[in-house]
Amino acid sequence: VKYGNLTFPAEYSETQTDSQGMDKTLIIAKTEQSTALFSGAL
């Protein structure tokens, strides 16, 4: 996946929640680069 000019390896999953809904989850490993961007940004 790409965020701005940066790229990250990720894992992605989709789960059907009901007849019209879909939960999508993206998991990015903690690296020095991802931690600098995302840490504390809940």
Full PDB file with SEQRES, HELIX, SHEET, SSBOND, CRYST1, ORIGX, SCALE, CONECT and MASTER records, all heavy atoms in Angstrom:
SEQRES   1 A   42  VAL LYS TYR GLY ASN LEU THR PHE PRO ALA GLU TYR SER          
SEQRES   2 A   42  GLU THR GLN THR ASP SER GLN GLY MET ASP LYS THR LEU          
SEQRES   3 A   42  ILE ILE ALA LYS THR GLU GLN SER THR ALA LEU PHE SER          
SEQRES   4 A   42  GLY ALA LEU                                                  
HELIX    1 AA1 GLU A   32  PHE A   38  1                                   7    
SHEET    1 AA1 2 LYS A   2  TYR A   3  0                                        
SHEET    2 AA1 2 LEU A   6  THR A   7 -1                                        
SHEET    1 AA2 2 ALA A  10  GLN A  16  0                                        
SHEET    2 AA2 2 MET A  22  ILE A  28 -1                                        
CRYST1    1.000    1.000    1.000  90.00  90.00  90.00 P 1           1          
ORIGX1      1.000000  0.000000  0.000000        0.00000                         
ORIGX2      0.000000  1.000000  0.000000        0.00000                         
ORIGX3      0.000000  0.000000  1.000000        0.00000                         
SCALE1      1.000000  0.000000  0.000000        0.00000                         
SCALE2      0.000000  1.000000  0.000000        0.00000                         
SCALE3      0.000000  0.000000  1.000000        0.00000                         
ATOM      1  N   VAL A   1       0.846  -1.192   0.000  1.00  0.00           N  
ATOM      2  CA  VAL A   1       0.000   0.000   0.000  1.00  0.00           C  
ATOM      3  C   VAL A   1       0.879   1.238   0.000  1.00  0.00           C  
ATOM      4  O   VAL A   1       2.026   1.205   0.449  1.00  0.00           O  
ATOM      5  CB  VAL A   1      -0.968   0.031   1.211  1.00  0.00           C  
ATOM      6  CG1 VAL A   1      -1.965  -1.102   1.118  1.00  0.00           C  
ATOM      7  CG2 VAL A   1      -0.229   0.008   2.529  1.00  0.00           C  
ATOM      8  N   LYS A   2       0.317   2.303  -0.512  1.00  0.00           N  
ATOM      9  CA  LYS A   2       1.046   3.556  -0.614  1.00  0.00           C  
ATOM     10  C   LYS A   2       0.350   4.602   0.248  1.00  0.00           C  
ATOM     11  O   LYS A   2      -0.875   4.720   0.235  1.00  0.00           O  
ATOM     12  CB  LYS A   2       1.081   4.010  -2.076  1.00  0.00           C  
ATOM     13  CG  LYS A   2       1.959   5.195  -2.336  1.00  0.00           C  
ATOM     14  CD  LYS A   2       2.080   5.467  -3.826  1.00  0.00           C  
ATOM     15  CE  LYS A   2       3.002   6.643  -4.058  1.00  0.00           C  
ATOM     16  NZ  LYS A   2       3.190   6.928  -5.467  1.00  0.00           N  
ATOM     17  N   TYR A   3       1.139   5.340   1.009  1.00  0.00           N  
ATOM     18  CA  TYR A   3       0.646   6.472   1.787  1.00  0.00           C  
ATOM     19  C   TYR A   3       1.541   7.652   1.448  1.00  0.00           C  
ATOM     20  O   TYR A   3       2.727   7.648   1.780  1.00  0.00           O  
ATOM     21  CB  TYR A   3       0.680   6.174   3.291  1.00  0.00           C  
ATOM     22  CG  TYR A   3       0.217   7.337   4.131  1.00  0.00           C  
ATOM     23  CD1 TYR A   3      -1.122   7.694   4.160  1.00  0.00           C  
ATOM     24  CD2 TYR A   3       1.113   8.082   4.869  1.00  0.00           C  
ATOM     25  CE1 TYR A   3      -1.554   8.769   4.914  1.00  0.00           C  
ATOM     26  CE2 TYR A   3       0.693   9.151   5.631  1.00  0.00           C  
ATOM     27  CZ  TYR A   3      -0.642   9.485   5.648  1.00  0.00           C  
ATOM     28  OH  TYR A   3      -1.075  10.560   6.395  1.00  0.00           O  
ATOM     29  N   GLY A   4       0.996   8.614   0.717  1.00  0.00           N  
ATOM     30  CA  GLY A   4       1.835   9.702   0.214  1.00  0.00           C  
ATOM     31  C   GLY A   4       2.852   9.126  -0.754  1.00  0.00           C  
ATOM     32  O   GLY A   4       2.511   8.390  -1.669  1.00  0.00           O  
ATOM     33  N   ASN A   5       4.126   9.417  -0.515  1.00  0.00           N  
ATOM     34  CA  ASN A   5       5.203   8.903  -1.367  1.00  0.00           C  
ATOM     35  C   ASN A   5       5.832   7.625  -0.813  1.00  0.00           C  
ATOM     36  O   ASN A   5       6.786   7.116  -1.372  1.00  0.00           O  
ATOM     37  CB  ASN A   5       6.299   9.959  -1.539  1.00  0.00           C  
ATOM     38  CG  ASN A   5       5.805  11.139  -2.339  1.00  0.00           C  
ATOM     39  OD1 ASN A   5       4.960  10.997  -3.205  1.00  0.00           O  
ATOM     40  ND2 ASN A   5       6.334  12.315  -2.039  1.00  0.00           N  
ATOM     41  N   LEU A   6       5.297   7.128   0.305  1.00  0.00           N  
ATOM     42  CA  LEU A   6       5.877   5.961   0.968  1.00  0.00           C  
ATOM     43  C   LEU A   6       5.071   4.708   0.668  1.00  0.00           C  
ATOM     44  O   LEU A   6       3.854   4.771   0.516  1.00  0.00           O  
ATOM     45  CB  LEU A   6       5.904   6.192   2.483  1.00  0.00           C  
ATOM     46  CG  LEU A   6       6.634   7.445   2.949  1.00  0.00           C  
ATOM     47  CD1 LEU A   6       6.413   7.658   4.435  1.00  0.00           C  
ATOM     48  CD2 LEU A   6       8.115   7.340   2.634  1.00  0.00           C  
ATOM     49  N   THR A   7       5.763   3.569   0.590  1.00  0.00           N  
ATOM     50  CA  THR A   7       5.072   2.297   0.391  1.00  0.00           C  
ATOM     51  C   THR A   7       5.357   1.379   1.578  1.00  0.00           C  
ATOM     52  O   THR A   7       6.428   1.435   2.178  1.00  0.00           O  
ATOM     53  CB  THR A   7       5.506   1.604  -0.916  1.00  0.00           C  
ATOM     54  OG1 THR A   7       6.920   1.413  -0.885  1.00  0.00           O  
ATOM     55  CG2 THR A   7       5.115   2.418  -2.127  1.00  0.00           C  
ATOM     56  N   PHE A   8       4.365   0.552   1.891  1.00  0.00           N  
ATOM     57  CA  PHE A   8       4.458  -0.374   3.013  1.00  0.00           C  
ATOM     58  C   PHE A   8       3.926  -1.739   2.601  1.00  0.00           C  
ATOM     59  O   PHE A   8       2.866  -1.813   1.977  1.00  0.00           O  
ATOM     60  CB  PHE A   8       3.615   0.121   4.201  1.00  0.00           C  
ATOM     61  CG  PHE A   8       4.031   1.454   4.732  1.00  0.00           C  
ATOM     62  CD1 PHE A   8       3.388   2.610   4.322  1.00  0.00           C  
ATOM     63  CD2 PHE A   8       5.067   1.562   5.646  1.00  0.00           C  
ATOM     64  CE1 PHE A   8       3.765   3.847   4.809  1.00  0.00           C  
ATOM     65  CE2 PHE A   8       5.449   2.795   6.139  1.00  0.00           C  
ATOM     66  CZ  PHE A   8       4.802   3.939   5.717  1.00  0.00           C  
ATOM     67  N   PRO A   9       4.621  -2.808   2.980  1.00  0.00           N  
ATOM     68  CA  PRO A   9       4.021  -4.130   2.820  1.00  0.00           C  
ATOM     69  C   PRO A   9       2.882  -4.247   3.824  1.00  0.00           C  
ATOM     70  O   PRO A   9       2.989  -3.749   4.953  1.00  0.00           O  
ATOM     71  CB  PRO A   9       5.163  -5.094   3.130  1.00  0.00           C  
ATOM     72  CG  PRO A   9       6.166  -4.290   3.897  1.00  0.00           C  
ATOM     73  CD  PRO A   9       5.955  -2.868   3.539  1.00  0.00           C  
ATOM     74  N   ALA A  10       1.791  -4.862   3.411  1.00  0.00           N  
ATOM     75  CA  ALA A  10       0.619  -4.950   4.281  1.00  0.00           C  
ATOM     76  C   ALA A  10      -0.086  -6.280   4.075  1.00  0.00           C  
ATOM     77  O   ALA A  10       0.153  -6.981   3.102  1.00  0.00           O  
ATOM     78  CB  ALA A  10      -0.337  -3.799   3.978  1.00  0.00           C  
ATOM     79  N   GLU A  11      -0.964  -6.580   5.017  1.00  0.00           N  
ATOM     80  CA  GLU A  11      -1.868  -7.718   4.886  1.00  0.00           C  
ATOM     81  C   GLU A  11      -3.284  -7.154   4.922  1.00  0.00           C  
ATOM     82  O   GLU A  11      -3.582  -6.226   5.673  1.00  0.00           O  
ATOM     83  CB  GLU A  11      -1.657  -8.710   6.022  1.00  0.00           C  
ATOM     84  CG  GLU A  11      -0.310  -9.385   5.937  1.00  0.00           C  
ATOM     85  CD  GLU A  11      -0.129 -10.442   7.007  1.00  0.00           C  
ATOM     86  OE1 GLU A  11      -1.124 -11.060   7.400  1.00  0.00           O  
ATOM     87  OE2 GLU A  11       1.015 -10.626   7.439  1.00  0.00           O  
ATOM     88  N   TYR A  12      -4.158  -7.727   4.096  1.00  0.00           N  
ATOM     89  CA  TYR A  12      -5.507  -7.197   3.917  1.00  0.00           C  
ATOM     90  C   TYR A  12      -6.518  -8.332   4.029  1.00  0.00           C  
ATOM     91  O   TYR A  12      -6.285  -9.434   3.561  1.00  0.00           O  
ATOM     92  CB  TYR A  12      -5.605  -6.549   2.529  1.00  0.00           C  
ATOM     93  CG  TYR A  12      -6.982  -6.110   2.143  1.00  0.00           C  
ATOM     94  CD1 TYR A  12      -7.517  -4.935   2.637  1.00  0.00           C  
ATOM     95  CD2 TYR A  12      -7.753  -6.877   1.276  1.00  0.00           C  
ATOM     96  CE1 TYR A  12      -8.792  -4.527   2.280  1.00  0.00           C  
ATOM     97  CE2 TYR A  12      -9.026  -6.474   0.911  1.00  0.00           C  
ATOM     98  CZ  TYR A  12      -9.531  -5.296   1.415  1.00  0.00           C  
ATOM     99  OH  TYR A  12     -10.790  -4.895   1.068  1.00  0.00           O  
ATOM    100  N   SER A  13      -7.645  -8.024   4.676  1.00  0.00           N  
ATOM    101  CA  SER A  13      -8.729  -9.006   4.706  1.00  0.00           C  
ATOM    102  C   SER A  13     -10.074  -8.298   4.632  1.00  0.00           C  
ATOM    103  O   SER A  13     -10.202  -7.130   5.025  1.00  0.00           O  
ATOM    104  CB  SER A  13      -8.663  -9.871   5.966  1.00  0.00           C  
ATOM    105  OG  SER A  13      -8.992  -9.108   7.104  1.00  0.00           O  
ATOM    106  N   GLU A  14     -11.047  -9.009   4.106  1.00  0.00           N  
ATOM    107  CA  GLU A  14     -12.431  -8.531   4.024  1.00  0.00           C  
ATOM    108  C   GLU A  14     -13.315  -9.552   4.722  1.00  0.00           C  
ATOM    109  O   GLU A  14     -13.123 -10.755   4.555  1.00  0.00           O  
ATOM    110  CB  GLU A  14     -12.900  -8.417   2.575  1.00  0.00           C  
ATOM    111  CG  GLU A  14     -12.225  -7.361   1.770  1.00  0.00           C  
ATOM    112  CD  GLU A  14     -12.727  -7.322   0.331  1.00  0.00           C  
ATOM    113  OE1 GLU A  14     -13.445  -8.252  -0.101  1.00  0.00           O  
ATOM    114  OE2 GLU A  14     -12.384  -6.361  -0.364  1.00  0.00           O  
ATOM    115  N   THR A  15     -14.301  -9.058   5.477  1.00  0.00           N  
ATOM    116  CA  THR A  15     -15.258  -9.926   6.146  1.00  0.00           C  
ATOM    117  C   THR A  15     -16.654  -9.385   5.910  1.00  0.00           C  
ATOM    118  O   THR A  15     -16.919  -8.210   6.192  1.00  0.00           O  
ATOM    119  CB  THR A  15     -14.992  -9.986   7.669  1.00  0.00           C  
ATOM    120  OG1 THR A  15     -13.643 -10.389   7.883  1.00  0.00           O  
ATOM    121  CG2 THR A  15     -15.934 -10.956   8.355  1.00  0.00           C  
ATOM    122  N   GLN A  16     -17.524 -10.211   5.367  1.00  0.00           N  
ATOM    123  CA  GLN A  16     -18.919  -9.816   5.150  1.00  0.00           C  
ATOM    124  C   GLN A  16     -19.605  -9.700   6.511  1.00  0.00           C  
ATOM    125  O   GLN A  16     -19.581 -10.637   7.299  1.00  0.00           O  
ATOM    126  CB  GLN A  16     -19.631 -10.858   4.288  1.00  0.00           C  
ATOM    127  CG  GLN A  16     -21.007 -10.464   3.838  1.00  0.00           C  
ATOM    128  CD  GLN A  16     -20.981  -9.469   2.691  1.00  0.00           C  
ATOM    129  OE1 GLN A  16     -20.104  -9.518   1.841  1.00  0.00           O  
ATOM    130  NE2 GLN A  16     -21.932  -8.575   2.669  1.00  0.00           N  
ATOM    131  N   THR A  17     -20.210  -8.531   6.812  1.00  0.00           N  
ATOM    132  CA  THR A  17     -20.855  -8.342   8.107  1.00  0.00           C  
ATOM    133  C   THR A  17     -22.357  -8.601   8.041  1.00  0.00           C  
ATOM    134  O   THR A  17     -22.946  -9.048   8.998  1.00  0.00           O  
ATOM    135  CB  THR A  17     -20.621  -6.923   8.643  1.00  0.00           C  
ATOM    136  OG1 THR A  17     -21.089  -5.973   7.684  1.00  0.00           O  
ATOM    137  CG2 THR A  17     -19.148  -6.703   8.924  1.00  0.00           C  
ATOM    138  N   ASP A  18     -22.978  -8.276   6.938  1.00  0.00           N  
ATOM    139  CA  ASP A  18     -24.389  -8.567   6.698  1.00  0.00           C  
ATOM    140  C   ASP A  18     -24.629  -8.454   5.201  1.00  0.00           C  
ATOM    141  O   ASP A  18     -23.680  -8.420   4.434  1.00  0.00           O  
ATOM    142  CB  ASP A  18     -25.312  -7.631   7.503  1.00  0.00           C  
ATOM    143  CG  ASP A  18     -25.051  -6.155   7.214  1.00  0.00           C  
ATOM    144  OD1 ASP A  18     -24.717  -5.805   6.068  1.00  0.00           O  
ATOM    145  OD2 ASP A  18     -25.202  -5.343   8.143  1.00  0.00           O  
ATOM    146  N   SER A  19     -25.862  -8.362   4.792  1.00  0.00           N  
ATOM    147  CA  SER A  19     -26.147  -8.362   3.356  1.00  0.00           C  
ATOM    148  C   SER A  19     -25.583  -7.129   2.644  1.00  0.00           C  
ATOM    149  O   SER A  19     -25.393  -7.159   1.439  1.00  0.00           O  
ATOM    150  CB  SER A  19     -27.646  -8.447   3.112  1.00  0.00           C  
ATOM    151  OG  SER A  19     -28.295  -7.312   3.658  1.00  0.00           O  
ATOM    152  N   GLN A  20     -25.292  -6.040   3.373  1.00  0.00           N  
ATOM    153  CA  GLN A  20     -24.794  -4.833   2.712  1.00  0.00           C  
ATOM    154  C   GLN A  20     -23.466  -4.334   3.258  1.00  0.00           C  
ATOM    155  O   GLN A  20     -22.908  -3.380   2.737  1.00  0.00           O  
ATOM    156  CB  GLN A  20     -25.827  -3.712   2.833  1.00  0.00           C  
ATOM    157  CG  GLN A  20     -27.109  -4.043   2.121  1.00  0.00           C  
ATOM    158  CD  GLN A  20     -28.092  -2.893   2.171  1.00  0.00           C  
ATOM    159  OE1 GLN A  20     -27.873  -1.903   2.830  1.00  0.00           O  
ATOM    160  NE2 GLN A  20     -29.191  -3.048   1.467  1.00  0.00           N  
ATOM    161  N   GLY A  21     -22.943  -4.972   4.297  1.00  0.00           N  
ATOM    162  CA  GLY A  21     -21.736  -4.449   4.928  1.00  0.00           C  
ATOM    163  C   GLY A  21     -20.513  -5.310   4.716  1.00  0.00           C  
ATOM    164  O   GLY A  21     -20.597  -6.518   4.516  1.00  0.00           O  
ATOM    165  N   MET A  22     -19.360  -4.658   4.760  1.00  0.00           N  
ATOM    166  CA  MET A  22     -18.093  -5.347   4.586  1.00  0.00           C  
ATOM    167  C   MET A  22     -17.078  -4.681   5.511  1.00  0.00           C  
ATOM    168  O   MET A  22     -16.875  -3.469   5.453  1.00  0.00           O  
ATOM    169  CB  MET A  22     -17.625  -5.211   3.133  1.00  0.00           C  
ATOM    170  CG  MET A  22     -16.362  -5.941   2.813  1.00  0.00           C  
ATOM    171  SD  MET A  22     -16.555  -7.708   2.576  1.00  0.00           S  
ATOM    172  CE  MET A  22     -17.467  -7.774   1.061  1.00  0.00           C  
ATOM    173  N   ASP A  23     -16.479  -5.472   6.410  1.00  0.00           N  
ATOM    174  CA  ASP A  23     -15.386  -4.983   7.240  1.00  0.00           C  
ATOM    175  C   ASP A  23     -14.090  -5.223   6.493  1.00  0.00           C  
ATOM    176  O   ASP A  23     -13.824  -6.346   6.047  1.00  0.00           O  
ATOM    177  CB  ASP A  23     -15.323  -5.721   8.582  1.00  0.00           C  
ATOM    178  CG  ASP A  23     -16.337  -5.225   9.587  1.00  0.00           C  
ATOM    179  OD1 ASP A  23     -16.885  -4.121   9.389  1.00  0.00           O  
ATOM    180  OD2 ASP A  23     -16.587  -5.944  10.564  1.00  0.00           O  
ATOM    181  N   LYS A  24     -13.293  -4.176   6.364  1.00  0.00           N  
ATOM    182  CA  LYS A  24     -12.002  -4.297   5.693  1.00  0.00           C  
ATOM    183  C   LYS A  24     -10.915  -3.959   6.702  1.00  0.00           C  
ATOM    184  O   LYS A  24     -11.012  -2.948   7.403  1.00  0.00           O  
ATOM    185  CB  LYS A  24     -11.927  -3.342   4.504  1.00  0.00           C  
ATOM    186  CG  LYS A  24     -12.970  -3.630   3.439  1.00  0.00           C  
ATOM    187  CD  LYS A  24     -12.891  -2.618   2.324  1.00  0.00           C  
ATOM    188  CE  LYS A  24     -13.981  -2.855   1.289  1.00  0.00           C  
ATOM    189  NZ  LYS A  24     -13.885  -1.883   0.185  1.00  0.00           N  
ATOM    190  N   THR A  25      -9.892  -4.807   6.762  1.00  0.00           N  
ATOM    191  CA  THR A  25      -8.804  -4.615   7.716  1.00  0.00           C  
ATOM    192  C   THR A  25      -7.479  -4.619   6.967  1.00  0.00           C  
ATOM    193  O   THR A  25      -7.242  -5.448   6.095  1.00  0.00           O  
ATOM    194  CB  THR A  25      -8.793  -5.749   8.764  1.00  0.00           C  
ATOM    195  OG1 THR A  25     -10.066  -5.771   9.416  1.00  0.00           O  
ATOM    196  CG2 THR A  25      -7.702  -5.536   9.789  1.00  0.00           C  
ATOM    197  N   LEU A  26      -6.625  -3.677   7.343  1.00  0.00           N  
ATOM    198  CA  LEU A  26      -5.298  -3.533   6.764  1.00  0.00           C  
ATOM    199  C   LEU A  26      -4.303  -3.571   7.917  1.00  0.00           C  
ATOM    200  O   LEU A  26      -4.458  -2.832   8.891  1.00  0.00           O  
ATOM    201  CB  LEU A  26      -5.222  -2.196   6.030  1.00  0.00           C  
ATOM    202  CG  LEU A  26      -4.122  -1.926   5.054  1.00  0.00           C  
ATOM    203  CD1 LEU A  26      -4.167  -2.913   3.892  1.00  0.00           C  
ATOM    204  CD2 LEU A  26      -4.227  -0.510   4.526  1.00  0.00           C  
ATOM    205  N   ILE A  27      -3.308  -4.446   7.832  1.00  0.00           N  
ATOM    206  CA  ILE A  27      -2.308  -4.575   8.888  1.00  0.00           C  
ATOM    207  C   ILE A  27      -0.944  -4.230   8.300  1.00  0.00           C  
ATOM    208  O   ILE A  27      -0.532  -4.804   7.288  1.00  0.00           O  
ATOM    209  CB  ILE A  27      -2.298  -6.004   9.469  1.00  0.00           C  
ATOM    210  CG1 ILE A  27      -3.652  -6.292  10.122  1.00  0.00           C  
ATOM    211  CG2 ILE A  27      -1.157  -6.174  10.458  1.00  0.00           C  
ATOM    212  CD1 ILE A  27      -3.810  -7.706  10.609  1.00  0.00           C  
ATOM    213  N   ILE A  28      -0.263  -3.294   8.960  1.00  0.00           N  
ATOM    214  CA  ILE A  28       1.067  -2.870   8.531  1.00  0.00           C  
ATOM    215  C   ILE A  28       2.040  -3.159   9.668  1.00  0.00           C  
ATOM    216  O   ILE A  28       1.788  -2.767  10.816  1.00  0.00           O  
ATOM    217  CB  ILE A  28       1.083  -1.367   8.176  1.00  0.00           C  
ATOM    218  CG1 ILE A  28       0.184  -1.130   6.951  1.00  0.00           C  
ATOM    219  CG2 ILE A  28       2.502  -0.878   7.914  1.00  0.00           C  
ATOM    220  CD1 ILE A  28       0.058   0.323   6.550  1.00  0.00           C  
ATOM    221  N   ALA A  29       3.136  -3.833   9.344  1.00  0.00           N  
ATOM    222  CA  ALA A  29       4.143  -4.168  10.358  1.00  0.00           C  
ATOM    223  C   ALA A  29       4.801  -2.894  10.881  1.00  0.00           C  
ATOM    224  O   ALA A  29       4.954  -1.907  10.156  1.00  0.00           O  
ATOM    225  CB  ALA A  29       5.200  -5.095   9.766  1.00  0.00           C  
ATOM    226  N   LYS A  30       5.183  -2.949  12.150  1.00  0.00           N  
ATOM    227  CA  LYS A  30       5.912  -1.827  12.738  1.00  0.00           C  
ATOM    228  C   LYS A  30       7.354  -1.852  12.245  1.00  0.00           C  
ATOM    229  O   LYS A  30       8.058  -2.846  12.401  1.00  0.00           O  
ATOM    230  CB  LYS A  30       5.886  -1.897  14.261  1.00  0.00           C  
ATOM    231  CG  LYS A  30       4.589  -1.419  14.845  1.00  0.00           C  
ATOM    232  CD  LYS A  30       4.711  -1.285  16.348  1.00  0.00           C  
ATOM    233  CE  LYS A  30       3.455  -0.644  16.904  1.00  0.00           C  
ATOM    234  NZ  LYS A  30       3.540  -0.538  18.373  1.00  0.00           N  
ATOM    235  N   THR A  31       7.737  -0.778  11.617  1.00  0.00           N  
ATOM    236  CA  THR A  31       9.121  -0.559  11.208  1.00  0.00           C  
ATOM    237  C   THR A  31       9.479   0.836  11.707  1.00  0.00           C  
ATOM    238  O   THR A  31       8.619   1.564  12.226  1.00  0.00           O  
ATOM    239  CB  THR A  31       9.270  -0.599   9.673  1.00  0.00           C  
ATOM    240  OG1 THR A  31       8.485   0.471   9.109  1.00  0.00           O  
ATOM    241  CG2 THR A  31       8.828  -1.930   9.088  1.00  0.00           C  
ATOM    242  N   GLU A  32      10.698   1.227  11.529  1.00  0.00           N  
ATOM    243  CA  GLU A  32      11.090   2.577  11.939  1.00  0.00           C  
ATOM    244  C   GLU A  32      10.243   3.625  11.213  1.00  0.00           C  
ATOM    245  O   GLU A  32       9.757   4.583  11.810  1.00  0.00           O  
ATOM    246  CB  GLU A  32      12.583   2.771  11.626  1.00  0.00           C  
ATOM    247  CG  GLU A  32      13.204   3.967  12.305  1.00  0.00           C  
ATOM    248  CD  GLU A  32      14.707   3.999  12.101  1.00  0.00           C  
ATOM    249  OE1 GLU A  32      15.392   3.018  12.460  1.00  0.00           O  
ATOM    250  OE2 GLU A  32      15.188   5.017  11.578  1.00  0.00           O  
ATOM    251  N   GLN A  33      10.031   3.400   9.917  1.00  0.00           N  
ATOM    252  CA  GLN A  33       9.269   4.343   9.096  1.00  0.00           C  
ATOM    253  C   GLN A  33       7.786   4.373   9.476  1.00  0.00           C  
ATOM    254  O   GLN A  33       7.210   5.440   9.658  1.00  0.00           O  
ATOM    255  CB  GLN A  33       9.439   3.955   7.627  1.00  0.00           C  
ATOM    256  CG  GLN A  33       8.880   4.947   6.653  1.00  0.00           C  
ATOM    257  CD  GLN A  33       9.175   4.520   5.223  1.00  0.00           C  
ATOM    258  OE1 GLN A  33       8.883   3.389   4.847  1.00  0.00           O  
ATOM    259  NE2 GLN A  33       9.758   5.405   4.444  1.00  0.00           N  
ATOM    260  N   SER A  34       7.163   3.201   9.615  1.00  0.00           N  
ATOM    261  CA  SER A  34       5.736   3.180   9.942  1.00  0.00           C  
ATOM    262  C   SER A  34       5.495   3.687  11.369  1.00  0.00           C  
ATOM    263  O   SER A  34       4.506   4.375  11.630  1.00  0.00           O  
ATOM    264  CB  SER A  34       5.139   1.779   9.747  1.00  0.00           C  
ATOM    265  OG  SER A  34       5.682   0.850  10.653  1.00  0.00           O  
ATOM    266  N   THR A  35       6.385   3.375  12.286  1.00  0.00           N  
ATOM    267  CA  THR A  35       6.234   3.851  13.658  1.00  0.00           C  
ATOM    268  C   THR A  35       6.314   5.375  13.718  1.00  0.00           C  
ATOM    269  O   THR A  35       5.537   6.013  14.426  1.00  0.00           O  
ATOM    270  CB  THR A  35       7.294   3.207  14.576  1.00  0.00           C  
ATOM    271  OG1 THR A  35       7.093   1.787  14.558  1.00  0.00           O  
ATOM    272  CG2 THR A  35       7.187   3.711  15.999  1.00  0.00           C  
ATOM    273  N   ALA A  36       7.228   5.957  12.958  1.00  0.00           N  
ATOM    274  CA  ALA A  36       7.352   7.417  12.943  1.00  0.00           C  
ATOM    275  C   ALA A  36       6.063   8.076  12.442  1.00  0.00           C  
ATOM    276  O   ALA A  36       5.674   9.139  12.925  1.00  0.00           O  
ATOM    277  CB  ALA A  36       8.533   7.831  12.071  1.00  0.00           C  
ATOM    278  N   LEU A  37       5.382   7.437  11.505  1.00  0.00           N  
ATOM    279  CA  LEU A  37       4.155   8.009  10.934  1.00  0.00           C  
ATOM    280  C   LEU A  37       2.904   7.741  11.760  1.00  0.00           C  
ATOM    281  O   LEU A  37       2.063   8.624  11.927  1.00  0.00           O  
ATOM    282  CB  LEU A  37       3.910   7.440   9.540  1.00  0.00           C  
ATOM    283  CG  LEU A  37       4.695   8.032   8.407  1.00  0.00           C  
ATOM    284  CD1 LEU A  37       4.488   7.212   7.153  1.00  0.00           C  
ATOM    285  CD2 LEU A  37       4.279   9.458   8.170  1.00  0.00           C  
ATOM    286  N   PHE A  38       2.744   6.526  12.251  1.00  0.00           N  
ATOM    287  CA  PHE A  38       1.460   6.104  12.800  1.00  0.00           C  
ATOM    288  C   PHE A  38       1.403   5.972  14.329  1.00  0.00           C  
ATOM    289  O   PHE A  38       0.309   5.941  14.884  1.00  0.00           O  
ATOM    290  CB  PHE A  38       1.045   4.759  12.180  1.00  0.00           C  
ATOM    291  CG  PHE A  38       1.044   4.764  10.684  1.00  0.00           C  
ATOM    292  CD1 PHE A  38       1.751   3.804   9.982  1.00  0.00           C  
ATOM    293  CD2 PHE A  38       0.340   5.715   9.968  1.00  0.00           C  
ATOM    294  CE1 PHE A  38       1.748   3.790   8.588  1.00  0.00           C  
ATOM    295  CE2 PHE A  38       0.340   5.715   8.579  1.00  0.00           C  
ATOM    296  CZ  PHE A  38       1.035   4.748   7.892  1.00  0.00           C  
ATOM    297  N   SER A  39       2.537   5.892  14.997  1.00  0.00           N  
ATOM    298  CA  SER A  39       2.523   5.670  16.436  1.00  0.00           C  
ATOM    299  C   SER A  39       1.783   6.796  17.156  1.00  0.00           C  
ATOM    300  O   SER A  39       2.022   7.978  16.911  1.00  0.00           O  
ATOM    301  CB  SER A  39       3.956   5.565  16.974  1.00  0.00           C  
ATOM    302  OG  SER A  39       3.929   5.194  18.335  1.00  0.00           O  
ATOM    303  N   GLY A  40       0.861   6.416  18.028  1.00  0.00           N  
ATOM    304  CA  GLY A  40       0.097   7.385  18.807  1.00  0.00           C  
ATOM    305  C   GLY A  40      -1.037   8.051  18.061  1.00  0.00           C  
ATOM    306  O   GLY A  40      -1.664   8.978  18.570  1.00  0.00           O  
ATOM    307  N   ALA A  41      -1.344   7.593  16.858  1.00  0.00           N  
ATOM    308  CA  ALA A  41      -2.368   8.241  16.034  1.00  0.00           C  
ATOM    309  C   ALA A  41      -3.681   7.454  16.023  1.00  0.00           C  
ATOM    310  O   ALA A  41      -4.405   7.450  15.025  1.00  0.00           O  
ATOM    311  CB  ALA A  41      -1.852   8.419  14.613  1.00  0.00           C  
ATOM    312  N   LEU A  42      -4.013   6.797  17.127  1.00  0.00           N  
ATOM    313  CA  LEU A  42      -5.252   6.013  17.181  1.00  0.00           C  
ATOM    314  C   LEU A  42      -6.453   6.866  16.816  1.00  0.00           C  
ATOM    315  O   LEU A  42      -6.548   8.026  17.205  1.00  0.00           O  
ATOM    316  CB  LEU A  42      -5.446   5.412  18.573  1.00  0.00           C  
ATOM    317  CG  LEU A  42      -4.568   4.211  18.903  1.00  0.00           C  
ATOM    318  CD1 LEU A  42      -4.796   3.778  20.341  1.00  0.00           C  
ATOM    319  CD2 LEU A  42      -4.835   3.063  17.961  1.00  0.00           C  
TER     320      LEU A  42                                                      
MASTER        0    0    0    1    4    0    0    6  319    1    0    4          
END                                                                             
